[in-house]
Structures are given as structure tokens and as C-alpha cells.
PDB file of N, CA and C in Angstrom:
ATOM      1  N   MET A   1     164.071 171.197  79.090  1.00  0.00           N
ATOM      2  CA  MET A   1     165.005 170.580  80.297  1.00  0.00           C
ATOM      3  C   MET A   1     166.103 171.999  80.801  1.00  0.00           C
ATOM      4  N   ALA A   2     166.414 171.688  82.103  1.00  0.00           N
ATOM      5  CA  ALA A   2     167.294 172.555  82.537  1.00  0.00           C
ATOM      6  C   ALA A   2     168.594 171.772  81.615  1.00  0.00           C
ATOM      7  N   ASN A   3     169.590 172.687  81.654  1.00  0.00           N
ATOM      8  CA  ASN A   3     171.308 172.427  81.142  1.00  0.00           C
ATOM      9  C   ASN A   3     171.950 172.205  81.750  1.00  0.00           C
ATOM     10  N   PRO A   4     172.516 170.633  81.840  1.00  0.00           N
ATOM     11  CA  PRO A   4     173.175 169.918  83.232  1.00  0.00           C
ATOM     12  C   PRO A   4     174.827 170.531  83.116  1.00  0.00           C
ATOM     13  N   ILE A   5     174.840 171.609  82.284  1.00  0.00           N
ATOM     14  CA  ILE A   5     176.833 172.157  82.585  1.00  0.00           C
ATOM     15  C   ILE A   5     175.881 173.339  83.431  1.00  0.00           C
ATOM     16  N   GLU A   6     174.930 173.989  83.024  1.00  0.00           N
ATOM     17  CA  GLU A   6     174.765 174.773  84.020  1.00  0.00           C
ATOM     18  C   GLU A   6     173.809 174.368  85.410  1.00  0.00           C
ATOM     19  N   ALA A   7     173.355 173.489  85.148  1.00  0.00           N
ATOM     20  CA  ALA A   7     173.275 173.276  86.835  1.00  0.00           C
ATOM     21  C   ALA A   7     174.266 172.404  87.770  1.00  0.00           C
ATOM     22  N   ILE A   8     175.532 171.957  87.542  1.00  0.00           N
ATOM     23  CA  ILE A   8     176.622 171.744  87.931  1.00  0.00           C
ATOM     24  C   ILE A   8     177.364 173.123  88.165  1.00  0.00           C
ATOM     25  N   ARG A   9     177.405 173.931  86.991  1.00  0.00           N
ATOM     26  CA  ARG A   9     178.057 175.449  87.557  1.00  0.00           C
ATOM     27  C   ARG A   9     177.694 175.920  88.308  1.00  0.00           C
ATOM     28  N   ASP A  10     176.119 175.929  88.229  1.00  0.00           N
ATOM     29  CA  ASP A  10     175.623 176.890  89.432  1.00  0.00           C
ATOM     30  C   ASP A  10     176.282 176.221  91.158  1.00  0.00           C
ATOM     31  N   PHE A  11     176.289 174.660  90.934  1.00  0.00           N
ATOM     32  CA  PHE A  11     176.351 174.269  92.227  1.00  0.00           C
ATOM     33  C   PHE A  11     177.883 174.636  92.585  1.00  0.00           C
ATOM     34  N   LEU A  12     178.408 174.332  91.814  1.00  0.00           N
ATOM     35  CA  LEU A  12     179.962 174.531  92.302  1.00  0.00           C
ATOM     36  C   LEU A  12     180.108 176.393  92.337  1.00  0.00           C
ATOM     37  N   VAL A  13     179.411 177.183  91.912  1.00  0.00           N
ATOM     38  CA  VAL A  13     179.549 178.375  92.140  1.00  0.00           C
ATOM     39  C   VAL A  13     179.356 178.790  93.393  1.00  0.00           C
ATOM     40  N   ALA A  14     177.749 178.394  93.733  1.00  0.00           N
ATOM     41  CA  ALA A  14     177.628 178.721  95.031  1.00  0.00           C
ATOM     42  C   ALA A  14     178.014 177.410  96.163  1.00  0.00           C
ATOM     43  N   ASP A  15     178.493 176.719  95.742  1.00  0.00           N
ATOM     44  CA  ASP A  15     179.824 175.838  96.667  1.00  0.00           C
ATOM     45  C   ASP A  15     181.481 176.191  96.823  1.00  0.00           C
ATOM     46  N   ALA A  16     181.443 177.619  96.261  1.00  0.00           N
ATOM     47  CA  ALA A  16     183.078 177.748  96.242  1.00  0.00           C
ATOM     48  C   ALA A  16     183.594 178.204  97.435  1.00  0.00           C
ATOM     49  N   PRO A  17     182.943 178.731  98.609  1.00  0.00           N
ATOM     50  CA  PRO A  17     183.468 178.894 100.065  1.00  0.00           C
ATOM     51  C   PRO A  17     184.012 177.686 100.697  1.00  0.00           C
ATOM     52  N   ASN A  18     183.709 176.532 100.275  1.00  0.00           N
ATOM     53  CA  ASN A  18     184.145 175.169 100.589  1.00  0.00           C
ATOM     54  C   ASN A  18     185.392 174.842  99.811  1.00  0.00           C
ATOM     55  N   HIS A  19     185.481 175.369  98.969  1.00  0.00           N
ATOM     56  CA  HIS A  19     187.024 174.901  98.176  1.00  0.00           C
ATOM     57  C   HIS A  19     188.022 175.529  98.344  1.00  0.00           C
ATOM     58  N   PRO A  20     189.145 175.158  98.106  1.00  0.00           N
ATOM     59  CA  PRO A  20     190.434 175.935  98.706  1.00  0.00           C
ATOM     60  C   PRO A  20     190.691 176.781  97.939  1.00  0.00           C
ATOM     61  N   ALA A  21     191.676 177.987  98.303  1.00  0.00           N
ATOM     62  CA  ALA A  21     191.810 178.910  98.264  1.00  0.00           C
ATOM     63  C   ALA A  21     192.478 179.378  96.462  1.00  0.00           C
ATOM     64  N   GLY A  22     191.899 180.097  95.449  1.00  0.00           N
ATOM     65  CA  GLY A  22     192.278 179.951  94.138  1.00  0.00           C
ATOM     66  C   GLY A  22     191.772 178.737  93.432  1.00  0.00           C
ATOM     67  N   THR A  23     190.984 178.163  93.618  1.00  0.00           N
ATOM     68  CA  THR A  23     190.283 177.014  92.934  1.00  0.00           C
ATOM     69  C   THR A  23     189.705 177.122  91.271  1.00  0.00           C
ATOM     70  N   ALA A  24     190.286 177.053  90.601  1.00  0.00           N
ATOM     71  CA  ALA A  24     189.581 177.257  89.217  1.00  0.00           C
ATOM     72  C   ALA A  24     188.741 176.273  89.037  1.00  0.00           C
ATOM     73  N   LYS A  25     187.541 176.321  88.400  1.00  0.00           N
ATOM     74  CA  LYS A  25     186.710 175.787  87.654  1.00  0.00           C
ATOM     75  C   LYS A  25     186.307 175.882  86.379  1.00  0.00           C
ATOM     76  N   GLY A  26     185.868 174.436  85.722  1.00  0.00           N
ATOM     77  CA  GLY A  26     185.508 174.891  84.600  1.00  0.00           C
ATOM     78  C   GLY A  26     185.804 173.477  83.762  1.00  0.00           C
ATOM     79  N   THR A  27     185.205 173.505  82.129  1.00  0.00           N
ATOM     80  CA  THR A  27     184.768 172.489  81.561  1.00  0.00           C
ATOM     81  C   THR A  27     185.779 171.675  80.735  1.00  0.00           C
ATOM     82  N   LYS A  28     187.069 172.168  80.934  1.00  0.00           N
ATOM     83  CA  LYS A  28     188.515 172.130  80.341  1.00  0.00           C
ATOM     84  C   LYS A  28     189.239 171.353  81.070  1.00  0.00           C
ATOM     85  N   HIS A  29     190.111 170.329  80.890  1.00  0.00           N
ATOM     86  CA  HIS A  29     191.091 169.923  81.518  1.00  0.00           C
ATOM     87  C   HIS A  29     192.637 170.769  81.375  1.00  0.00           C
ATOM     88  N   PRO A  30     193.139 170.659  82.820  1.00  0.00           N
ATOM     89  CA  PRO A  30     194.265 171.839  82.832  1.00  0.00           C
ATOM     90  C   PRO A  30     195.520 171.841  82.070  1.00  0.00           C
ATOM     91  N   ALA A  31     195.521 172.752  81.530  1.00  0.00           N
ATOM     92  CA  ALA A  31     196.583 172.398  80.579  1.00  0.00           C
ATOM     93  C   ALA A  31     197.929 172.234  80.874  1.00  0.00           C
ATOM     94  N   ALA A  32     198.131 173.330  81.938  1.00  0.00           N
ATOM     95  CA  ALA A  32     199.538 173.327  82.481  1.00  0.00           C
ATOM     96  C   ALA A  32     200.332 172.118  83.018  1.00  0.00           C
ATOM     97  N   PRO A  33     201.452 171.403  83.375  1.00  0.00           N
ATOM     98  CA  PRO A  33     202.055 170.659  83.532  1.00  0.00           C
ATOM     99  C   PRO A  33     202.033 170.881  84.897  1.00  0.00           C
ATOM    100  N   THR A  34     202.068 171.797  85.729  1.00  0.00           N
ATOM    101  CA  THR A  34     202.023 172.022  86.811  1.00  0.00           C
ATOM    102  C   THR A  34     201.140 172.873  87.399  1.00  0.00           C
ATOM    103  N   LEU A  35     200.264 172.951  88.566  1.00  0.00           N
ATOM    104  CA  LEU A  35     199.685 173.493  88.928  1.00  0.00           C
ATOM    105  C   LEU A  35     199.796 173.982  90.537  1.00  0.00           C
ATOM    106  N   ASP A  36     199.441 175.276  90.552  1.00  0.00           N
ATOM    107  CA  ASP A  36     199.811 175.694  92.258  1.00  0.00           C
ATOM    108  C   ASP A  36     198.419 176.224  92.804  1.00  0.00           C
ATOM    109  N   HIS A  37     197.282 175.705  92.131  1.00  0.00           N
ATOM    110  CA  HIS A  37     196.033 175.414  93.235  1.00  0.00           C
ATOM    111  C   HIS A  37     195.376 174.402  92.549  1.00  0.00           C
ATOM    112  N   VAL A  38     194.034 174.620  93.276  1.00  0.00           N
ATOM    113  CA  VAL A  38     193.195 173.018  92.503  1.00  0.00           C
ATOM    114  C   VAL A  38     192.210 173.736  91.118  1.00  0.00           C
ATOM    115  N   VAL A  39     192.005 172.349  90.547  1.00  0.00           N
ATOM    116  CA  VAL A  39     191.074 172.907  89.425  1.00  0.00           C
ATOM    117  C   VAL A  39     190.165 171.659  89.515  1.00  0.00           C
ATOM    118  N   ILE A  40     188.997 172.175  89.465  1.00  0.00           N
ATOM    119  CA  ILE A  40     187.720 171.121  89.475  1.00  0.00           C
ATOM    120  C   ILE A  40     186.992 171.377  88.017  1.00  0.00           C
ATOM    121  N   GLN A  41     187.300 169.897  87.310  1.00  0.00           N
ATOM    122  CA  GLN A  41     186.705 169.718  86.048  1.00  0.00           C
ATOM    123  C   GLN A  41     185.277 169.191  85.928  1.00  0.00           C
ATOM    124  N   TYR A  42     184.382 170.002  85.718  1.00  0.00           N
ATOM    125  CA  TYR A  42     182.870 169.125  85.337  1.00  0.00           C
ATOM    126  C   TYR A  42     182.798 168.885  83.966  1.00  0.00           C
ATOM    127  N   GLY A  43     181.494 168.038  83.817  1.00  0.00           N
ATOM    128  CA  GLY A  43     180.805 167.528  82.647  1.00  0.00           C
ATOM    129  C   GLY A  43     179.966 166.977  82.540  1.00  0.00           C
ATOM    130  N   TRP A  44     179.197 166.488  81.487  1.00  0.00           N
ATOM    131  CA  TRP A  44     177.961 166.000  81.312  1.00  0.00           C
ATOM    132  C   TRP A  44     178.118 165.026  80.767  1.00  0.00           C
ATOM    133  N   ASP A  45     178.150 163.575  81.043  1.00  0.00           N
ATOM    134  CA  ASP A  45     178.243 162.403  80.467  1.00  0.00           C
ATOM    135  C   ASP A  45     177.304 161.609  79.939  1.00  0.00           C
ATOM    136  N   GLY A  46     177.347 161.077  78.751  1.00  0.00           N
ATOM    137  CA  GLY A  46     176.094 160.246  78.258  1.00  0.00           C
ATOM    138  C   GLY A  46     175.272 160.635  77.830  1.00  0.00           C
ATOM    139  N   THR A  47     174.006 160.067  77.042  1.00  0.00           N
ATOM    140  CA  THR A  47     172.680 160.642  76.932  1.00  0.00           C
ATOM    141  C   THR A  47     171.846 160.775  78.228  1.00  0.00           C
ATOM    142  N   PRO A  48     171.032 161.832  78.154  1.00  0.00           N
ATOM    143  CA  PRO A  48     169.722 161.953  79.184  1.00  0.00           C
ATOM    144  C   PRO A  48     168.874 160.976  78.779  1.00  0.00           C
ATOM    145  N   SER A  49     168.138 160.585  79.717  1.00  0.00           N
ATOM    146  CA  SER A  49     166.890 159.895  79.836  1.00  0.00           C
ATOM    147  C   SER A  49     165.705 160.651  80.421  1.00  0.00           C
ATOM    148  N   ASP A  50     164.718 160.675  79.612  1.00  0.00           N
ATOM    149  CA  ASP A  50     163.780 161.323  80.036  1.00  0.00           C
ATOM    150  C   ASP A  50     162.354 160.710  80.783  1.00  0.00           C
ATOM    151  N   ALA A  51     161.991 161.249  81.470  1.00  0.00           N
ATOM    152  CA  ALA A  51     160.464 160.458  81.518  1.00  0.00           C
ATOM    153  C   ALA A  51     159.670 161.233  83.060  1.00  0.00           C
ATOM    154  N   ASP A  52     158.157 161.178  82.493  1.00  0.00           N
ATOM    155  CA  ASP A  52     157.836 162.112  83.860  1.00  0.00           C
ATOM    156  C   ASP A  52     158.206 163.478  83.793  1.00  0.00           C
ATOM    157  N   ASN A  53     158.544 164.258  82.864  1.00  0.00           N
ATOM    158  CA  ASN A  53     158.592 165.481  82.623  1.00  0.00           C
ATOM    159  C   ASN A  53     160.299 165.933  83.725  1.00  0.00           C
ATOM    160  N   ARG A  54     160.832 164.866  83.344  1.00  0.00           N
ATOM    161  CA  ARG A  54     162.389 165.098  84.240  1.00  0.00           C
ATOM    162  C   ARG A  54     163.375 164.846  83.446  1.00  0.00           C
ATOM    163  N   GLU A  55     164.948 164.863  83.610  1.00  0.00           N
ATOM    164  CA  GLU A  55     165.375 163.948  82.776  1.00  0.00           C
ATOM    165  C   GLU A  55     166.775 163.865  83.632  1.00  0.00           C
ATOM    166  N   ASP A  56     167.181 162.436  83.775  1.00  0.00           N
ATOM    167  CA  ASP A  56     167.583 161.687  84.402  1.00  0.00           C
ATOM    168  C   ASP A  56     169.279 162.185  83.737  1.00  0.00           C
ATOM    169  N   VAL A  57     170.376 162.537  84.304  1.00  0.00           N
ATOM    170  CA  VAL A  57     171.930 162.670  83.697  1.00  0.00           C
ATOM    171  C   VAL A  57     173.096 162.493  84.664  1.00  0.00           C
ATOM    172  N   ALA A  58     173.927 162.061  83.607  1.00  0.00           N
ATOM    173  CA  ALA A  58     175.203 161.894  84.759  1.00  0.00           C
ATOM    174  C   ALA A  58     175.799 162.827  84.650  1.00  0.00           C
ATOM    175  N   LEU A  59     176.604 163.593  85.846  1.00  0.00           N
ATOM    176  CA  LEU A  59     177.540 164.514  85.705  1.00  0.00           C
ATOM    177  C   LEU A  59     178.623 164.306  86.708  1.00  0.00           C
ATOM    178  N   ARG A  60     180.251 164.175  86.285  1.00  0.00           N
ATOM    179  CA  ARG A  60     181.444 164.007  86.386  1.00  0.00           C
ATOM    180  C   ARG A  60     182.035 165.096  87.003  1.00  0.00           C
ATOM    181  N   ILE A  61     182.828 164.790  87.756  1.00  0.00           N
ATOM    182  CA  ILE A  61     183.866 165.793  88.868  1.00  0.00           C
ATOM    183  C   ILE A  61     184.710 164.945  88.509  1.00  0.00           C
ATOM    184  N   THR A  62     185.942 166.094  87.945  1.00  0.00           N
ATOM    185  CA  THR A  62     187.330 165.693  88.551  1.00  0.00           C
ATOM    186  C   THR A  62     188.031 167.134  89.055  1.00  0.00           C
ATOM    187  N   VAL A  63     188.648 166.621  90.107  1.00  0.00           N
ATOM    188  CA  VAL A  63     189.532 167.306  91.351  1.00  0.00           C
ATOM    189  C   VAL A  63     190.982 166.828  90.705  1.00  0.00           C
ATOM    190  N   TRP A  64     191.948 168.222  90.170  1.00  0.00           N
ATOM    191  CA  TRP A  64     193.214 168.013  90.011  1.00  0.00           C
ATOM    192  C   TRP A  64     193.872 168.852  91.037  1.00  0.00           C
ATOM    193  N   ALA A  65     194.938 168.580  91.630  1.00  0.00           N
ATOM    194  CA  ALA A  65     195.917 169.213  92.393  1.00  0.00           C
ATOM    195  C   ALA A  65     197.342 169.202  92.181  1.00  0.00           C
ATOM    196  N   PRO A  66     198.112 170.332  93.179  1.00  0.00           N
ATOM    197  CA  PRO A  66     199.434 170.696  92.858  1.00  0.00           C
ATOM    198  C   PRO A  66     200.009 169.191  92.909  1.00  0.00           C
ATOM    199  N   ARG A  67     201.125 169.334  91.857  1.00  0.00           N
ATOM    200  CA  ARG A  67     201.789 168.059  92.272  1.00  0.00           C
ATOM    201  C   ARG A  67     202.198 167.936  93.792  1.00  0.00           C
ATOM    202  N   GLY A  68     202.469 166.054  94.181  1.00  0.00           N
ATOM    203  CA  GLY A  68     202.904 166.193  95.342  1.00  0.00           C
ATOM    204  C   GLY A  68     201.343 166.047  96.116  1.00  0.00           C
ATOM    205  N   GLU A  69     200.374 166.887  95.652  1.00  0.00           N
ATOM    206  CA  GLU A  69     199.328 167.103  96.653  1.00  0.00           C
ATOM    207  C   GLU A  69     197.971 165.609  96.758  1.00  0.00           C
ATOM    208  N   VAL A  70     198.493 164.526  96.690  1.00  0.00           N
ATOM    209  CA  VAL A  70     197.546 163.308  96.490  1.00  0.00           C
ATOM    210  C   VAL A  70     196.086 163.847  97.448  1.00  0.00           C
ATOM    211  N   THR A  71     196.372 164.084  98.619  1.00  0.00           N
ATOM    212  CA  THR A  71     195.196 163.569  99.176  1.00  0.00           C
ATOM    213  C   THR A  71     194.515 164.477  99.325  1.00  0.00           C
ATOM    214  N   GLU A  72     194.977 166.098  98.842  1.00  0.00           N
ATOM    215  CA  GLU A  72     194.174 167.240  98.432  1.00  0.00           C
ATOM    216  C   GLU A  72     192.728 166.767  97.453  1.00  0.00           C
ATOM    217  N   ALA A  73     193.378 166.093  96.032  1.00  0.00           N
ATOM    218  CA  ALA A  73     192.461 166.070  95.423  1.00  0.00           C
ATOM    219  C   ALA A  73     191.114 164.790  95.553  1.00  0.00           C
ATOM    220  N   SER A  74     191.660 163.760  96.490  1.00  0.00           N
ATOM    221  CA  SER A  74     190.549 162.978  97.513  1.00  0.00           C
ATOM    222  C   SER A  74     189.584 163.823  97.973  1.00  0.00           C
ATOM    223  N   THR A  75     190.323 164.650  99.299  1.00  0.00           N
ATOM    224  CA  THR A  75     189.653 165.754 100.263  1.00  0.00           C
ATOM    225  C   THR A  75     188.629 166.912  99.395  1.00  0.00           C
ATOM    226  N   VAL A  76     189.180 167.326  98.670  1.00  0.00           N
ATOM    227  CA  VAL A  76     188.383 168.451  97.821  1.00  0.00           C
ATOM    228  C   VAL A  76     187.079 167.370  97.066  1.00  0.00           C
ATOM    229  N   ALA A  77     187.536 166.529  96.361  1.00  0.00           N
ATOM    230  CA  ALA A  77     186.536 165.614  95.622  1.00  0.00           C
ATOM    231  C   ALA A  77     185.255 164.988  96.739  1.00  0.00           C
ATOM    232  N   GLY A  78     185.766 164.415  97.680  1.00  0.00           N
ATOM    233  CA  GLY A  78     184.653 164.079  98.901  1.00  0.00           C
ATOM    234  C   GLY A  78     184.014 164.908  99.338  1.00  0.00           C
ATOM    235  N   GLY A  79     184.411 165.978  99.597  1.00  0.00           N
ATOM    236  CA  GLY A  79     183.965 167.260 100.343  1.00  0.00           C
ATOM    237  C   GLY A  79     182.619 167.380  99.089  1.00  0.00           C
ATOM    238  N   ILE A  80     183.080 168.098  97.712  1.00  0.00           N
ATOM    239  CA  ILE A  80     182.038 168.236  96.795  1.00  0.00           C
ATOM    240  C   ILE A  80     180.953 166.937  96.572  1.00  0.00           C
ATOM    241  N   ARG A  81     181.259 165.908  96.634  1.00  0.00           N
ATOM    242  CA  ARG A  81     180.576 164.968  96.206  1.00  0.00           C
ATOM    243  C   ARG A  81     179.592 164.837  97.775  1.00  0.00           C
ATOM    244  N   SER A  82     180.299 165.034  98.634  1.00  0.00           N
ATOM    245  CA  SER A  82     179.023 164.512  99.896  1.00  0.00           C
ATOM    246  C   SER A  82     178.014 166.235 100.067  1.00  0.00           C
ATOM    247  N   ARG A  83     178.126 167.233  99.789  1.00  0.00           N
ATOM    248  CA  ARG A  83     177.832 168.516  99.502  1.00  0.00           C
ATOM    249  C   ARG A  83     176.653 168.395  98.262  1.00  0.00           C
ATOM    250  N   LEU A  84     177.005 167.630  96.824  1.00  0.00           N
ATOM    251  CA  LEU A  84     176.212 167.893  96.060  1.00  0.00           C
ATOM    252  C   LEU A  84     175.101 166.854  96.182  1.00  0.00           C
ATOM    253  N   LEU A  85     175.275 165.330  96.822  1.00  0.00           N
ATOM    254  CA  LEU A  85     174.397 164.336  97.164  1.00  0.00           C
ATOM    255  C   LEU A  85     173.093 164.910  97.891  1.00  0.00           C
ATOM    256  N   ASP A  86     173.693 166.074  98.720  1.00  0.00           N
ATOM    257  CA  ASP A  86     172.773 166.779  99.603  1.00  0.00           C
ATOM    258  C   ASP A  86     171.980 167.852  98.958  1.00  0.00           C
ATOM    259  N   HIS A  87     172.261 168.193  98.067  1.00  0.00           N
ATOM    260  CA  HIS A  87     171.773 169.298  97.370  1.00  0.00           C
ATOM    261  C   HIS A  87     170.780 169.029  96.258  1.00  0.00           C
ATOM    262  N   SER A  88     169.714 170.364  96.196  1.00  0.00           N
ATOM    263  CA  SER A  88     168.562 170.227  95.466  1.00  0.00           C
ATOM    264  C   SER A  88     168.524 171.716  95.371  1.00  0.00           C
ATOM    265  N   SER A  89     168.150 172.119  94.039  1.00  0.00           N
ATOM    266  CA  SER A  89     167.877 173.577  93.724  1.00  0.00           C
ATOM    267  C   SER A  89     166.837 173.492  92.053  1.00  0.00           C
ATOM    268  N   ALA A  90     166.377 174.738  91.906  1.00  0.00           N
ATOM    269  CA  ALA A  90     165.163 174.848  91.135  1.00  0.00           C
ATOM    270  C   ALA A  90     165.880 174.089  89.567  1.00  0.00           C
ATOM    271  N   LEU A  91     166.915 173.760  89.290  1.00  0.00           N
ATOM    272  CA  LEU A  91     167.381 172.685  88.196  1.00  0.00           C
ATOM    273  C   LEU A  91     167.545 171.096  88.695  1.00  0.00           C
ATOM    274  N   ILE A  92     168.055 170.891  89.939  1.00  0.00           N
ATOM    275  CA  ILE A  92     168.177 169.672  90.160  1.00  0.00           C
ATOM    276  C   ILE A  92     166.978 169.172  91.287  1.00  0.00           C
ATOM    277  N   GLN A  93     166.376 168.536  91.105  1.00  0.00           N
ATOM    278  CA  GLN A  93     165.570 167.526  91.762  1.00  0.00           C
ATOM    279  C   GLN A  93     166.539 166.626  93.095  1.00  0.00           C
ATOM    280  N   ARG A  94     167.085 165.991  92.503  1.00  0.00           N
ATOM    281  CA  ARG A  94     167.648 164.991  93.364  1.00  0.00           C
ATOM    282  C   ARG A  94     169.028 164.609  92.987  1.00  0.00           C
ATOM    283  N   VAL A  95     170.008 164.211  93.694  1.00  0.00           N
ATOM    284  CA  VAL A  95     171.300 163.972  93.480  1.00  0.00           C
ATOM    285  C   VAL A  95     171.530 162.376  93.878  1.00  0.00           C
ATOM    286  N   ASP A  96     171.758 161.812  93.306  1.00  0.00           N
ATOM    287  CA  ASP A  96     171.656 159.945  93.751  1.00  0.00           C
ATOM    288  C   ASP A  96     173.524 159.724  93.287  1.00  0.00           C
ATOM    289  N   ARG A  97     173.719 159.076  93.975  1.00  0.00           N
ATOM    290  CA  ARG A  97     175.540 158.397  94.051  1.00  0.00           C
ATOM    291  C   ARG A  97     175.510 157.851  92.441  1.00  0.00           C
ATOM    292  N   GLY A  98     176.707 158.153  91.991  1.00  0.00           N
ATOM    293  CA  GLY A  98     177.460 157.339  90.892  1.00  0.00           C
ATOM    294  C   GLY A  98     178.541 156.331  91.217  1.00  0.00           C
ATOM    295  N   SER A  99     179.658 156.308  90.297  1.00  0.00           N
ATOM    296  CA  SER A  99     180.943 155.991  90.494  1.00  0.00           C
ATOM    297  C   SER A  99     181.382 156.922  91.028  1.00  0.00           C
ATOM    298  N   GLY A 100     182.772 156.561  91.799  1.00  0.00           N
ATOM    299  CA  GLY A 100     183.878 157.104  92.555  1.00  0.00           C
ATOM    300  C   GLY A 100     183.437 157.263  93.937  1.00  0.00           C
ATOM    301  N   ARG A 101     184.292 157.952  94.723  1.00  0.00           N
ATOM    302  CA  ARG A 101     186.079 158.741  94.267  1.00  0.00           C
ATOM    303  C   ARG A 101     186.889 157.772  94.194  1.00  0.00           C
ATOM    304  N   ILE A 102     187.325 158.178  92.657  1.00  0.00           N
ATOM    305  CA  ILE A 102     188.644 157.473  92.507  1.00  0.00           C
ATOM    306  C   ILE A 102     189.429 158.080  91.898  1.00  0.00           C
ATOM    307  N   PRO A 103     190.615 157.897  92.912  1.00  0.00           N
ATOM    308  CA  PRO A 103     191.836 158.565  92.855  1.00  0.00           C
ATOM    309  C   PRO A 103     193.352 158.197  91.526  1.00  0.00           C
ATOM    310  N   GLY A 104     193.794 158.870  91.279  1.00  0.00           N
ATOM    311  CA  GLY A 104     194.580 158.539  90.431  1.00  0.00           C
ATOM    312  C   GLY A 104     196.151 159.571  89.922  1.00  0.00           C
ATOM    313  N   ILE A 105     197.092 159.383  89.725  1.00  0.00           N
ATOM    314  CA  ILE A 105     198.011 160.007  89.189  1.00  0.00           C
ATOM    315  C   ILE A 105     197.748 160.195  87.349  1.00  0.00           C
ATOM    316  N   ASP A 106     197.417 161.708  87.018  1.00  0.00           N
ATOM    317  CA  ASP A 106     197.502 162.123  85.574  1.00  0.00           C
ATOM    318  C   ASP A 106     198.810 161.395  84.688  1.00  0.00           C
ATOM    319  N   PRO A 107     198.790 160.495  84.026  1.00  0.00           N
ATOM    320  CA  PRO A 107     199.687 159.981  83.164  1.00  0.00           C
ATOM    321  C   PRO A 107     200.216 160.982  82.222  1.00  0.00           C
ATOM    322  N   ASP A 108     199.905 162.122  81.771  1.00  0.00           N
ATOM    323  CA  ASP A 108     200.209 163.177  80.948  1.00  0.00           C
ATOM    324  C   ASP A 108     201.419 164.125  81.810  1.00  0.00           C
ATOM    325  N   THR A 109     200.386 164.979  82.717  1.00  0.00           N
ATOM    326  CA  THR A 109     200.991 165.688  83.602  1.00  0.00           C
ATOM    327  C   THR A 109     201.908 165.136  85.144  1.00  0.00           C
ATOM    328  N   GLY A 110     201.467 164.024  85.563  1.00  0.00           N
ATOM    329  CA  GLY A 110     202.162 163.983  86.746  1.00  0.00           C
ATOM    330  C   GLY A 110     201.148 164.052  87.765  1.00  0.00           C
ATOM    331  N   LEU A 111     200.055 164.764  87.476  1.00  0.00           N
ATOM    332  CA  LEU A 111     199.621 165.774  88.363  1.00  0.00           C
ATOM    333  C   LEU A 111     198.241 164.853  89.242  1.00  0.00           C
ATOM    334  N   PRO A 112     198.252 164.454  90.635  1.00  0.00           N
ATOM    335  CA  PRO A 112     197.284 163.589  90.881  1.00  0.00           C
ATOM    336  C   PRO A 112     195.600 164.397  91.129  1.00  0.00           C
ATOM    337  N   PHE A 113     194.564 163.362  90.880  1.00  0.00           N
ATOM    338  CA  PHE A 113     193.368 163.856  90.486  1.00  0.00           C
ATOM    339  C   PHE A 113     192.521 162.819  91.382  1.00  0.00           C
ATOM    340  N   CYS A 114     191.423 163.187  91.415  1.00  0.00           N
ATOM    341  CA  CYS A 114     190.097 162.432  91.875  1.00  0.00           C
ATOM    342  C   CYS A 114     188.903 162.693  91.200  1.00  0.00           C
ATOM    343  N   THR A 115     188.382 161.360  90.582  1.00  0.00           N
ATOM    344  CA  THR A 115     186.945 161.774  90.106  1.00  0.00           C
ATOM    345  C   THR A 115     186.267 161.381  90.734  1.00  0.00           C
ATOM    346  N   PHE A 116     184.495 161.421  90.365  1.00  0.00           N
ATOM    347  CA  PHE A 116     183.733 160.718  90.884  1.00  0.00           C
ATOM    348  C   PHE A 116     182.382 161.395  89.556  1.00  0.00           C
ATOM    349  N   THR A 117     181.284 159.991  89.776  1.00  0.00           N
ATOM    350  CA  THR A 117     179.967 160.593  89.249  1.00  0.00           C
ATOM    351  C   THR A 117     178.877 160.684  90.041  1.00  0.00           C
ATOM    352  N   VAL A 118     177.834 161.192  89.542  1.00  0.00           N
ATOM    353  CA  VAL A 118     176.777 161.293  90.121  1.00  0.00           C
ATOM    354  C   VAL A 118     175.473 161.684  89.118  1.00  0.00           C
ATOM    355  N   ASN A 119     174.304 160.638  89.545  1.00  0.00           N
ATOM    356  CA  ASN A 119     173.091 160.872  88.798  1.00  0.00           C
ATOM    357  C   ASN A 119     172.379 162.009  89.343  1.00  0.00           C
ATOM    358  N   ALA A 120     172.061 162.839  88.402  1.00  0.00           N
ATOM    359  CA  ALA A 120     170.809 164.138  88.856  1.00  0.00           C
ATOM    360  C   ALA A 120     169.607 163.992  88.155  1.00  0.00           C
ATOM    361  N   VAL A 121     168.834 164.175  88.825  1.00  0.00           N
ATOM    362  CA  VAL A 121     167.370 164.381  88.008  1.00  0.00           C
ATOM    363  C   VAL A 121     167.361 165.482  88.069  1.00  0.00           C
ATOM    364  N   LEU A 122     167.021 166.165  86.548  1.00  0.00           N
ATOM    365  CA  LEU A 122     166.875 167.552  86.114  1.00  0.00           C
ATOM    366  C   LEU A 122     165.404 167.981  86.208  1.00  0.00           C
ATOM    367  N   VAL A 123     164.642 169.100  86.329  1.00  0.00           N
ATOM    368  CA  VAL A 123     163.399 169.443  86.385  1.00  0.00           C
ATOM    369  C   VAL A 123     163.244 170.109  84.784  1.00  0.00           C
ATOM    370  N   ALA A 124     161.782 169.865  84.298  1.00  0.00           N
ATOM    371  CA  ALA A 124     161.499 170.794  83.442  1.00  0.00           C
ATOM    372  C   ALA A 124     161.341 172.016  83.736  1.00  0.00           C
ATOM    373  N   LEU A 125     161.920 173.290  82.604  1.00  0.00           N
ATOM    374  CA  LEU A 125     161.767 174.235  82.814  1.00  0.00           C
ATOM    375  C   LEU A 125     160.362 175.054  82.523  1.00  0.00           C
TER     376      LEU A 125
END
């Protein structure tokens, strides 16, 4: 089966022209207590289920924005979510809604964030 992390990474790389300038992407939480750009964290949650030569996985995206830019995190996350729901590729057959967009303020850093999940159907390679 396709690697879920590679599938979401490839989508975010292709979607980069839609992200604010200087946006960083990766699987790690932003370590700095202040940011001067948007950070997109992605992950693969839970145990995939496979049936009929496909694999269903939950993918999580969290967008952090600089301190005070509360709406930026939600706006960027909303754009990514809508484009992801309309996405298919060689690795991703279909994307369905999950939970979110859920905005908040990170209690450790004070940075605004917005998170959501989607359920993706990955194809067998």
C-alpha cells in the first residue's frame, strides 16, 4: 500500500503555491515559541483498515500561525482542507471529510492553530 505520510507530503508540496510565503511543512510540532511564518504539520493517525485492495487512513493537518494571527491559521487550514477534499492522485483514490476545522491557541506557545482531519482512501501500489 501507499505510505500515508508520503501521500499527504506529496499533496502539500504540490499545493505549495496556495500557501503563504515562507510556509514550512513537516511532521514535527513547531519548536519555536514565536513564528514569523505559517507552519503546517501533518500526520497519519490511527490504524489503517484495508479492504478490497485499498487502505483507509485518517490524515491530520495542523496549521500554526504567528502570534496574533488567529484567522490566518483557520484561513490556511480551510483552503488546504477544501483542496484536499477535491484531490486524487496515483496514491490517493479519494478523500472524505473528517473532523475539524478546529481553531485554538496552543497552551505551550501561545500560538494560534487550526487543525482538521480527512479520511483518505489509498490505492495499492
